[in-house]
Amino acid sequence: MKELIVRSVINVNKSSNLTSREVVSEIKQIFNLSKCGHAGTLDKRVIGVLVVALENATKAMPVLMGLDKEYEGILYLHKDVDTKKLQRVISEHFIGEITQIPPVKSRVARKPRKRRIYSFKVLKKDEKDVWFRTKVQAGTYLRKLCWSIGQKLGTGAHMKELWRTNVGHFSLKDSYTLSEIKYAYERWESGDESDLRKILIPIEKAIPHVKRVYLKDSSINKILNGAPVRGLDVIKIEGGIKPKEIIAIFSPDEKLIAFGIAKMNTEKMRKTKGSIIRTDRVI
């Protein structure tokens, strides 16, 4: 169990009274760990899915941070508008690629950047309250998106409530509150590990979206010491790999060894005996 803990990810159901950083701090304290990290900040007042990586699993952060996000929430119109006009403005101006400037309080440079809105569906409307569901690219600011919709409508608007329902394949229905996590840990300390095993997601199962290569047993030690992966080292290469893509490097028994950066696509990898992947982060 101790080995599993330091190689796992937890799907946390964040409450509205904690910052993302405070959630991470609580998780570190519960498990007595030196290192944890979250894959995408939620505002203090926003509830829902917050993916937290424990100890060694934090090395997977680059492939967890970029996952698409899904939200539900309430947009408040400062002046009421017809539902048809609202839906038309959203479909014409807020589906597809948009440009956002990060808010003043954000920790990134306040420069225009492109983000993709995959969908924005109006679920229902009650006068000035608009319930919505949206799927967006990682790094999209929902509060800013709601404000922009209000500007385009000419009425003004702001985000009234928001909850994150999905981060990639991590769903709200499969998440756990901090109290549930703490209770499961205490149960394990008392001799019953069943609840904690349900909560901990081994790093191997947390990254189904990352393409993989599988090493020969005889090559594992070299990769653990930082050597690049050669074509001669692998027994299986998944299709669809592109140059510069982050790749998960696995042992034959399905254990994650490291992350690497692809030097070429799958087809070239399968024909090359020399270096095909630069080892980046050893697990």
C-alpha atoms as a PDB file:
ATOM      1  CA  MET A   1       0.000   0.000   0.000  1.00  0.00           C
ATOM      2  CA  LYS A   2       2.827   2.434   0.788  1.00  0.00           C
ATOM      3  CA  GLU A   3       4.305   1.873  -2.678  1.00  0.00           C
ATOM      4  CA  LEU A   4       0.868   2.370  -4.253  1.00  0.00           C
ATOM      5  CA  ILE A   5       0.298   5.651  -2.394  1.00  0.00           C
ATOM      6  CA  VAL A   6       3.453   7.321  -3.741  1.00  0.00           C
ATOM      7  CA  ARG A   7       2.576   6.281  -7.337  1.00  0.00           C
ATOM      8  CA  SER A   8      -1.093   7.287  -7.331  1.00  0.00           C
ATOM      9  CA  VAL A   9      -3.515  10.009  -8.363  1.00  0.00           C
ATOM     10  CA  ILE A  10      -6.713  10.961  -6.507  1.00  0.00           C
ATOM     11  CA  ASN A  11      -9.875  12.368  -8.057  1.00  0.00           C
ATOM     12  CA  VAL A  12     -10.879  14.892  -5.385  1.00  0.00           C
ATOM     13  CA  ASN A  13     -14.331  16.471  -5.126  1.00  0.00           C
ATOM     14  CA  LYS A  14     -13.303  19.966  -4.031  1.00  0.00           C
ATOM     15  CA  SER A  15     -15.703  21.872  -1.802  1.00  0.00           C
ATOM     16  CA  SER A  16     -16.387  25.597  -2.188  1.00  0.00           C
ATOM     17  CA  ASN A  17     -14.628  26.658   0.990  1.00  0.00           C
ATOM     18  CA  LEU A  18     -11.069  25.670   0.021  1.00  0.00           C
ATOM     19  CA  THR A  19      -8.531  26.818  -2.544  1.00  0.00           C
ATOM     20  CA  SER A  20      -6.881  24.223  -4.771  1.00  0.00           C
ATOM     21  CA  ARG A  21      -3.623  24.797  -2.929  1.00  0.00           C
ATOM     22  CA  GLU A  22      -5.325  24.173   0.419  1.00  0.00           C
ATOM     23  CA  VAL A  23      -6.732  20.881  -0.895  1.00  0.00           C
ATOM     24  CA  VAL A  24      -3.230  19.781  -1.899  1.00  0.00           C
ATOM     25  CA  SER A  25      -1.936  20.770   1.543  1.00  0.00           C
ATOM     26  CA  GLU A  26      -4.684  18.694   3.207  1.00  0.00           C
ATOM     27  CA  ILE A  27      -3.830  15.665   1.052  1.00  0.00           C
ATOM     28  CA  LYS A  28      -0.142  15.983   1.916  1.00  0.00           C
ATOM     29  CA  GLN A  29      -1.014  16.093   5.603  1.00  0.00           C
ATOM     30  CA  ILE A  30      -3.383  13.103   5.447  1.00  0.00           C
ATOM     31  CA  PHE A  31      -0.828  10.884   3.691  1.00  0.00           C
ATOM     32  CA  ASN A  32       2.250  12.434   5.337  1.00  0.00           C
ATOM     33  CA  LEU A  33       3.860  13.143   1.973  1.00  0.00           C
ATOM     34  CA  SER A  34       6.551  15.610   0.976  1.00  0.00           C
ATOM     35  CA  LYS A  35       5.169  16.339  -2.478  1.00  0.00           C
ATOM     36  CA  CYS A  36       1.731  16.623  -4.124  1.00  0.00           C
ATOM     37  CA  GLY A  37       0.381  18.627  -7.015  1.00  0.00           C
ATOM     38  CA  HIS A  38      -2.939  19.392  -8.710  1.00  0.00           C
ATOM     39  CA  ALA A  39      -3.740  19.345 -12.418  1.00  0.00           C
ATOM     40  CA  GLY A  40      -5.580  22.629 -12.932  1.00  0.00           C
ATOM     41  CA  THR A  41      -6.616  25.282 -10.436  1.00  0.00           C
ATOM     42  CA  LEU A  42     -10.224  25.714  -9.318  1.00  0.00           C
ATOM     43  CA  ASP A  43     -11.342  29.033  -7.815  1.00  0.00           C
ATOM     44  CA  LYS A  44     -12.140  28.882  -4.115  1.00  0.00           C
ATOM     45  CA  ARG A  45     -15.874  29.209  -4.761  1.00  0.00           C
ATOM     46  CA  VAL A  46     -15.907  26.601  -7.552  1.00  0.00           C
ATOM     47  CA  ILE A  47     -16.606  22.995  -6.639  1.00  0.00           C
ATOM     48  CA  GLY A  48     -15.922  19.729  -8.443  1.00  0.00           C
ATOM     49  CA  VAL A  49     -13.145  17.628  -9.907  1.00  0.00           C
ATOM     50  CA  LEU A  50      -9.600  18.428  -8.818  1.00  0.00           C
ATOM     51  CA  VAL A  51      -7.026  15.830  -9.876  1.00  0.00           C
ATOM     52  CA  VAL A  52      -4.256  15.508  -7.277  1.00  0.00           C
ATOM     53  CA  ALA A  53      -1.038  13.550  -7.894  1.00  0.00           C
ATOM     54  CA  LEU A  54       0.863  12.063  -4.949  1.00  0.00           C
ATOM     55  CA  GLU A  55       4.666  12.033  -4.581  1.00  0.00           C
ATOM     56  CA  ASN A  56       6.217  10.243  -7.623  1.00  0.00           C
ATOM     57  CA  ALA A  57       2.985  10.580  -9.597  1.00  0.00           C
ATOM     58  CA  THR A  58       3.602  14.350  -9.775  1.00  0.00           C
ATOM     59  CA  LYS A  59       5.984  13.509 -12.629  1.00  0.00           C
ATOM     60  CA  ALA A  60       2.865  12.855 -14.693  1.00  0.00           C
ATOM     61  CA  MET A  61       1.717  16.449 -14.227  1.00  0.00           C
ATOM     62  CA  PRO A  62       2.574  17.579 -17.797  1.00  0.00           C
ATOM     63  CA  VAL A  63       0.175  14.985 -19.262  1.00  0.00           C
ATOM     64  CA  LEU A  64      -2.527  15.609 -16.642  1.00  0.00           C
ATOM     65  CA  MET A  65      -2.478  19.434 -16.867  1.00  0.00           C
ATOM     66  CA  GLY A  66      -3.455  19.484 -20.536  1.00  0.00           C
ATOM     67  CA  LEU A  67      -6.681  17.495 -20.243  1.00  0.00           C
ATOM     68  CA  ASP A  68      -9.886  19.101 -21.519  1.00  0.00           C
ATOM     69  CA  LYS A  69     -12.358  20.298 -18.873  1.00  0.00           C
ATOM     70  CA  GLU A  70     -16.150  20.108 -18.599  1.00  0.00           C
ATOM     71  CA  TYR A  71     -18.243  22.416 -16.420  1.00  0.00           C
ATOM     72  CA  GLU A  72     -21.813  23.176 -15.479  1.00  0.00           C
ATOM     73  CA  GLY A  73     -22.825  26.495 -14.047  1.00  0.00           C
ATOM     74  CA  ILE A  74     -25.122  29.494 -13.929  1.00  0.00           C
ATOM     75  CA  LEU A  75     -24.496  32.624 -15.977  1.00  0.00           C
ATOM     76  CA  TYR A  76     -26.310  35.723 -14.690  1.00  0.00           C
ATOM     77  CA  LEU A  77     -27.438  38.267 -17.287  1.00  0.00           C
ATOM     78  CA  HIS A  78     -27.428  41.884 -16.139  1.00  0.00           C
ATOM     79  CA  LYS A  79     -30.384  42.502 -18.479  1.00  0.00           C
ATOM     80  CA  ASP A  80     -32.754  39.826 -19.718  1.00  0.00           C
ATOM     81  CA  VAL A  81     -32.532  38.738 -23.367  1.00  0.00           C
ATOM     82  CA  ASP A  82     -34.485  36.387 -25.579  1.00  0.00           C
ATOM     83  CA  THR A  83     -33.293  32.751 -25.395  1.00  0.00           C
ATOM     84  CA  LYS A  84     -32.974  32.526 -29.185  1.00  0.00           C
ATOM     85  CA  LYS A  85     -30.679  35.552 -29.265  1.00  0.00           C
ATOM     86  CA  LEU A  86     -28.590  34.127 -26.414  1.00  0.00           C
ATOM     87  CA  GLN A  87     -28.135  30.802 -28.199  1.00  0.00           C
ATOM     88  CA  ARG A  88     -27.372  32.501 -31.511  1.00  0.00           C
ATOM     89  CA  VAL A  89     -24.669  34.736 -30.015  1.00  0.00           C
ATOM     90  CA  ILE A  90     -23.066  31.770 -28.243  1.00  0.00           C
ATOM     91  CA  SER A  91     -23.080  29.547 -31.356  1.00  0.00           C
ATOM     92  CA  GLU A  92     -21.739  32.302 -33.616  1.00  0.00           C
ATOM     93  CA  HIS A  93     -19.030  33.720 -31.335  1.00  0.00           C
ATOM     94  CA  PHE A  94     -18.197  31.255 -28.553  1.00  0.00           C
ATOM     95  CA  ILE A  95     -17.892  27.854 -30.188  1.00  0.00           C
ATOM     96  CA  GLY A  96     -14.523  26.932 -31.672  1.00  0.00           C
ATOM     97  CA  GLU A  97     -11.330  28.928 -31.184  1.00  0.00           C
ATOM     98  CA  ILE A  98     -11.564  32.115 -29.128  1.00  0.00           C
ATOM     99  CA  THR A  99      -8.998  34.581 -27.786  1.00  0.00           C
ATOM    100  CA  GLN A 100      -8.720  35.317 -24.063  1.00  0.00           C
ATOM    101  CA  ILE A 101      -6.523  37.584 -21.974  1.00  0.00           C
ATOM    102  CA  PRO A 102      -5.974  35.988 -18.524  1.00  0.00           C
ATOM    103  CA  PRO A 103      -7.554  37.874 -15.589  1.00  0.00           C
ATOM    104  CA  VAL A 104      -5.527  40.280 -13.468  1.00  0.00           C
ATOM    105  CA  LYS A 105      -5.388  37.809 -10.556  1.00  0.00           C
ATOM    106  CA  SER A 106      -4.078  34.928 -12.684  1.00  0.00           C
ATOM    107  CA  ARG A 107      -0.503  33.685 -12.330  1.00  0.00           C
ATOM    108  CA  VAL A 108       0.253  33.651 -16.036  1.00  0.00           C
ATOM    109  CA  ALA A 109       1.326  36.458 -18.346  1.00  0.00           C
ATOM    110  CA  ARG A 110      -1.598  38.675 -19.354  1.00  0.00           C
ATOM    111  CA  LYS A 111      -1.140  38.173 -23.079  1.00  0.00           C
ATOM    112  CA  PRO A 112      -3.837  37.171 -25.597  1.00  0.00           C
ATOM    113  CA  ARG A 113      -3.966  33.417 -26.114  1.00  0.00           C
ATOM    114  CA  LYS A 114      -6.090  31.057 -28.161  1.00  0.00           C
ATOM    115  CA  ARG A 115      -8.377  28.539 -26.466  1.00  0.00           C
ATOM    116  CA  ARG A 116     -10.943  26.146 -27.934  1.00  0.00           C
ATOM    117  CA  ILE A 117     -14.564  25.925 -26.781  1.00  0.00           C
ATOM    118  CA  TYR A 118     -15.859  22.521 -27.896  1.00  0.00           C
ATOM    119  CA  SER A 119     -19.448  23.065 -26.764  1.00  0.00           C
ATOM    120  CA  PHE A 120     -21.572  25.509 -24.779  1.00  0.00           C
ATOM    121  CA  LYS A 121     -25.144  24.344 -24.261  1.00  0.00           C
ATOM    122  CA  VAL A 122     -27.897  26.340 -22.578  1.00  0.00           C
ATOM    123  CA  LEU A 123     -29.698  23.843 -20.331  1.00  0.00           C
ATOM    124  CA  LYS A 124     -32.448  26.170 -19.146  1.00  0.00           C
ATOM    125  CA  LYS A 125     -33.167  29.836 -18.592  1.00  0.00           C
ATOM    126  CA  ASP A 126     -35.121  31.457 -15.762  1.00  0.00           C
ATOM    127  CA  GLU A 127     -35.300  35.183 -16.496  1.00  0.00           C
ATOM    128  CA  LYS A 128     -31.698  36.392 -15.986  1.00  0.00           C
ATOM    129  CA  ASP A 129     -30.317  33.058 -14.731  1.00  0.00           C
ATOM    130  CA  VAL A 130     -28.897  30.797 -17.452  1.00  0.00           C
ATOM    131  CA  TRP A 131     -27.914  27.220 -16.613  1.00  0.00           C
ATOM    132  CA  PHE A 132     -25.239  25.925 -18.979  1.00  0.00           C
ATOM    133  CA  ARG A 133     -22.918  23.015 -19.724  1.00  0.00           C
ATOM    134  CA  THR A 134     -19.612  23.511 -21.536  1.00  0.00           C
ATOM    135  CA  LYS A 135     -16.533  21.571 -22.620  1.00  0.00           C
ATOM    136  CA  VAL A 136     -13.365  23.624 -23.065  1.00  0.00           C
ATOM    137  CA  GLN A 137      -9.659  23.335 -23.665  1.00  0.00           C
ATOM    138  CA  ALA A 138      -7.416  23.329 -20.595  1.00  0.00           C
ATOM    139  CA  GLY A 139      -6.519  26.848 -19.514  1.00  0.00           C
ATOM    140  CA  THR A 140      -9.845  28.434 -20.502  1.00  0.00           C
ATOM    141  CA  TYR A 141     -11.097  31.007 -17.993  1.00  0.00           C
ATOM    142  CA  LEU A 142     -14.816  30.370 -17.440  1.00  0.00           C
ATOM    143  CA  ARG A 143     -15.405  33.569 -15.486  1.00  0.00           C
ATOM    144  CA  LYS A 144     -13.899  35.538 -18.377  1.00  0.00           C
ATOM    145  CA  LEU A 145     -15.939  33.518 -20.877  1.00  0.00           C
ATOM    146  CA  CYS A 146     -19.200  34.417 -19.107  1.00  0.00           C
ATOM    147  CA  TRP A 147     -18.173  38.090 -19.027  1.00  0.00           C
ATOM    148  CA  SER A 148     -17.368  38.002 -22.762  1.00  0.00           C
ATOM    149  CA  ILE A 149     -20.771  36.507 -23.586  1.00  0.00           C
ATOM    150  CA  GLY A 150     -22.405  39.380 -21.695  1.00  0.00           C
ATOM    151  CA  GLN A 151     -20.329  41.900 -23.618  1.00  0.00           C
ATOM    152  CA  LYS A 152     -21.252  40.391 -26.979  1.00  0.00           C
ATOM    153  CA  LEU A 153     -24.951  40.343 -25.991  1.00  0.00           C
ATOM    154  CA  GLY A 154     -24.712  44.003 -24.984  1.00  0.00           C
ATOM    155  CA  THR A 155     -26.314  43.254 -21.617  1.00  0.00           C
ATOM    156  CA  GLY A 156     -23.368  42.431 -19.395  1.00  0.00           C
ATOM    157  CA  ALA A 157     -23.128  39.110 -17.527  1.00  0.00           C
ATOM    158  CA  HIS A 158     -21.115  37.339 -14.879  1.00  0.00           C
ATOM    159  CA  MET A 159     -20.565  33.801 -13.661  1.00  0.00           C
ATOM    160  CA  LYS A 160     -22.885  33.162 -10.706  1.00  0.00           C
ATOM    161  CA  GLU A 161     -22.064  29.516  -9.930  1.00  0.00           C
ATOM    162  CA  LEU A 162     -19.740  26.889 -11.391  1.00  0.00           C
ATOM    163  CA  TRP A 163     -18.827  23.275 -10.802  1.00  0.00           C
ATOM    164  CA  ARG A 164     -16.314  21.146 -12.715  1.00  0.00           C
ATOM    165  CA  THR A 165     -17.831  17.843 -13.780  1.00  0.00           C
ATOM    166  CA  ASN A 166     -14.954  16.307 -15.748  1.00  0.00           C
ATOM    167  CA  VAL A 167     -11.213  16.623 -16.239  1.00  0.00           C
ATOM    168  CA  GLY A 168     -10.448  14.407 -19.217  1.00  0.00           C
ATOM    169  CA  HIS A 169     -11.533  10.910 -18.146  1.00  0.00           C
ATOM    170  CA  PHE A 170     -11.824  11.912 -14.454  1.00  0.00           C
ATOM    171  CA  SER A 171     -15.519  12.348 -13.596  1.00  0.00           C
ATOM    172  CA  LEU A 172     -17.319  14.021 -10.689  1.00  0.00           C
ATOM    173  CA  LYS A 173     -19.354  10.857 -10.071  1.00  0.00           C
ATOM    174  CA  ASP A 174     -16.100   8.985  -9.342  1.00  0.00           C
ATOM    175  CA  SER A 175     -14.572  11.661  -7.084  1.00  0.00           C
ATOM    176  CA  TYR A 176     -14.102  11.704  -3.301  1.00  0.00           C
ATOM    177  CA  THR A 177     -14.343  14.456  -0.717  1.00  0.00           C
ATOM    178  CA  LEU A 178     -11.474  15.224   1.643  1.00  0.00           C
ATOM    179  CA  SER A 179     -13.423  13.738   4.549  1.00  0.00           C
ATOM    180  CA  GLU A 180     -13.955  10.496   2.617  1.00  0.00           C
ATOM    181  CA  ILE A 181     -10.253  10.343   1.764  1.00  0.00           C
ATOM    182  CA  LYS A 182      -9.224  10.967   5.358  1.00  0.00           C
ATOM    183  CA  TYR A 183     -11.658   8.321   6.622  1.00  0.00           C
ATOM    184  CA  ALA A 184     -10.305   5.761   4.111  1.00  0.00           C
ATOM    185  CA  TYR A 185      -6.728   6.480   5.199  1.00  0.00           C
ATOM    186  CA  GLU A 186      -7.628   6.046   8.871  1.00  0.00           C
ATOM    187  CA  ARG A 187      -9.381   2.769   8.035  1.00  0.00           C
ATOM    188  CA  TRP A 188      -6.195   1.554   6.351  1.00  0.00           C
ATOM    189  CA  GLU A 189      -4.175   2.455   9.425  1.00  0.00           C
ATOM    190  CA  SER A 190      -6.641   0.359  11.433  1.00  0.00           C
ATOM    191  CA  GLY A 191      -6.103  -2.620   9.128  1.00  0.00           C
ATOM    192  CA  ASP A 192      -8.798  -2.253   6.425  1.00  0.00           C
ATOM    193  CA  GLU A 193      -7.389  -1.036   3.108  1.00  0.00           C
ATOM    194  CA  SER A 194     -10.479  -1.672   0.941  1.00  0.00           C
ATOM    195  CA  ASP A 195     -11.774   1.934   0.928  1.00  0.00           C
ATOM    196  CA  LEU A 196      -8.365   3.452   0.226  1.00  0.00           C
ATOM    197  CA  ARG A 197      -7.744   1.072  -2.688  1.00  0.00           C
ATOM    198  CA  LYS A 198     -10.957   2.345  -4.298  1.00  0.00           C
ATOM    199  CA  ILE A 199      -9.741   5.948  -4.008  1.00  0.00           C
ATOM    200  CA  LEU A 200      -6.126   5.563  -5.149  1.00  0.00           C
ATOM    201  CA  ILE A 201      -5.683   5.499  -8.932  1.00  0.00           C
ATOM    202  CA  PRO A 202      -2.312   3.946  -9.874  1.00  0.00           C
ATOM    203  CA  ILE A 203      -0.397   6.227 -12.204  1.00  0.00           C
ATOM    204  CA  GLU A 204      -0.580   3.565 -14.927  1.00  0.00           C
ATOM    205  CA  LYS A 205      -4.399   3.765 -14.923  1.00  0.00           C
ATOM    206  CA  ALA A 206      -4.473   7.554 -14.595  1.00  0.00           C
ATOM    207  CA  ILE A 207      -2.950   8.164 -18.046  1.00  0.00           C
ATOM    208  CA  PRO A 208      -4.940   6.107 -20.614  1.00  0.00           C
ATOM    209  CA  HIS A 209      -4.758   9.060 -23.010  1.00  0.00           C
ATOM    210  CA  VAL A 210      -0.940   8.943 -23.260  1.00  0.00           C
ATOM    211  CA  LYS A 211       0.576   6.801 -26.019  1.00  0.00           C
ATOM    212  CA  ARG A 212       2.900   4.023 -24.886  1.00  0.00           C
ATOM    213  CA  VAL A 213       5.977   2.024 -25.757  1.00  0.00           C
ATOM    214  CA  TYR A 214       6.947  -1.194 -23.992  1.00  0.00           C
ATOM    215  CA  LEU A 215      10.541  -2.054 -23.147  1.00  0.00           C
ATOM    216  CA  LYS A 216      12.416  -5.322 -23.019  1.00  0.00           C
ATOM    217  CA  ASP A 217      13.273  -6.335 -19.441  1.00  0.00           C
ATOM    218  CA  SER A 218      16.956  -6.108 -20.314  1.00  0.00           C
ATOM    219  CA  SER A 219      16.649  -2.401 -21.242  1.00  0.00           C
ATOM    220  CA  ILE A 220      14.812  -1.118 -18.159  1.00  0.00           C
ATOM    221  CA  ASN A 221      17.858  -0.303 -16.010  1.00  0.00           C
ATOM    222  CA  LYS A 222      19.410   1.807 -18.773  1.00  0.00           C
ATOM    223  CA  ILE A 223      16.264   3.884 -19.096  1.00  0.00           C
ATOM    224  CA  LEU A 224      16.025   4.267 -15.309  1.00  0.00           C
ATOM    225  CA  ASN A 225      19.505   5.800 -15.469  1.00  0.00           C
ATOM    226  CA  GLY A 226      18.406   8.323 -18.090  1.00  0.00           C
ATOM    227  CA  ALA A 227      19.535   6.642 -21.299  1.00  0.00           C
ATOM    228  CA  PRO A 228      17.413   7.307 -24.396  1.00  0.00           C
ATOM    229  CA  VAL A 229      15.069   4.608 -25.652  1.00  0.00           C
ATOM    230  CA  ARG A 230      16.382   2.871 -28.782  1.00  0.00           C
ATOM    231  CA  GLY A 231      14.408   0.916 -31.304  1.00  0.00           C
ATOM    232  CA  LEU A 232      16.293  -2.170 -30.156  1.00  0.00           C
ATOM    233  CA  ASP A 233      14.983  -1.648 -26.605  1.00  0.00           C
ATOM    234  CA  VAL A 234      11.276  -1.922 -27.369  1.00  0.00           C
ATOM    235  CA  ILE A 235       8.920  -4.836 -27.862  1.00  0.00           C
ATOM    236  CA  LYS A 236       5.814  -2.801 -28.715  1.00  0.00           C
ATOM    237  CA  ILE A 237       5.086   0.711 -29.981  1.00  0.00           C
ATOM    238  CA  GLU A 238       1.550   2.132 -30.059  1.00  0.00           C
ATOM    239  CA  GLY A 239       0.308   3.785 -33.234  1.00  0.00           C
ATOM    240  CA  GLY A 240      -0.283   7.478 -33.792  1.00  0.00           C
ATOM    241  CA  ILE A 241       2.831   8.826 -32.060  1.00  0.00           C
ATOM    242  CA  LYS A 242       4.018  12.203 -33.356  1.00  0.00           C
ATOM    243  CA  PRO A 243       7.439  13.880 -33.008  1.00  0.00           C
ATOM    244  CA  LYS A 244       7.879  15.856 -29.731  1.00  0.00           C
ATOM    245  CA  GLU A 245       4.869  14.118 -28.146  1.00  0.00           C
ATOM    246  CA  ILE A 246       5.148  12.981 -24.513  1.00  0.00           C
ATOM    247  CA  ILE A 247       5.297   9.179 -24.411  1.00  0.00           C
ATOM    248  CA  ALA A 248       4.741   6.768 -21.491  1.00  0.00           C
ATOM    249  CA  ILE A 249       7.495   4.146 -21.264  1.00  0.00           C
ATOM    250  CA  PHE A 250       6.315   0.842 -19.794  1.00  0.00           C
ATOM    251  CA  SER A 251       7.851  -2.461 -18.699  1.00  0.00           C
ATOM    252  CA  PRO A 252       6.495  -5.722 -20.178  1.00  0.00           C
ATOM    253  CA  ASP A 253       4.408  -6.249 -16.999  1.00  0.00           C
ATOM    254  CA  GLU A 254       2.537  -2.934 -17.484  1.00  0.00           C
ATOM    255  CA  LYS A 255       4.491  -0.855 -14.942  1.00  0.00           C
ATOM    256  CA  LEU A 256       5.271   2.771 -15.843  1.00  0.00           C
ATOM    257  CA  ILE A 257       9.037   3.304 -15.972  1.00  0.00           C
ATOM    258  CA  ALA A 258       9.390   6.849 -17.301  1.00  0.00           C
ATOM    259  CA  PHE A 259       8.062   9.568 -19.556  1.00  0.00           C
ATOM    260  CA  GLY A 260       9.929  10.521 -22.685  1.00  0.00           C
ATOM    261  CA  ILE A 261       9.787  12.841 -25.697  1.00  0.00           C
ATOM    262  CA  ALA A 262       9.300  11.209 -29.098  1.00  0.00           C
ATOM    263  CA  LYS A 263      12.008  11.984 -31.645  1.00  0.00           C
ATOM    264  CA  MET A 264       9.940  10.691 -34.578  1.00  0.00           C
ATOM    265  CA  ASN A 265       6.559   9.216 -35.472  1.00  0.00           C
ATOM    266  CA  THR A 266       5.444   5.626 -34.908  1.00  0.00           C
ATOM    267  CA  GLU A 267       6.299   4.459 -38.436  1.00  0.00           C
ATOM    268  CA  LYS A 268       9.895   5.691 -38.212  1.00  0.00           C
ATOM    269  CA  MET A 269      10.270   4.296 -34.686  1.00  0.00           C
ATOM    270  CA  ARG A 270       9.354   0.829 -35.915  1.00  0.00           C
ATOM    271  CA  LYS A 271      12.068   1.005 -38.571  1.00  0.00           C
ATOM    272  CA  THR A 272      14.817   2.555 -36.409  1.00  0.00           C
ATOM    273  CA  LYS A 273      17.296   0.587 -34.274  1.00  0.00           C
ATOM    274  CA  GLY A 274      18.888   3.663 -32.706  1.00  0.00           C
ATOM    275  CA  SER A 275      17.538   6.420 -30.425  1.00  0.00           C
ATOM    276  CA  ILE A 276      13.791   7.020 -30.854  1.00  0.00           C
ATOM    277  CA  ILE A 277      12.709   8.629 -27.538  1.00  0.00           C
ATOM    278  CA  ARG A 278      14.521  11.036 -25.218  1.00  0.00           C
ATOM    279  CA  THR A 279      14.001   9.945 -21.614  1.00  0.00           C
ATOM    280  CA  ASP A 280      12.584  12.921 -19.729  1.00  0.00           C
ATOM    281  CA  ARG A 281      11.169  11.920 -16.319  1.00  0.00           C
ATOM    282  CA  VAL A 282      12.025   8.637 -14.620  1.00  0.00           C
ATOM    283  CA  ILE A 283       9.317   7.297 -12.291  1.00  0.00           C
END
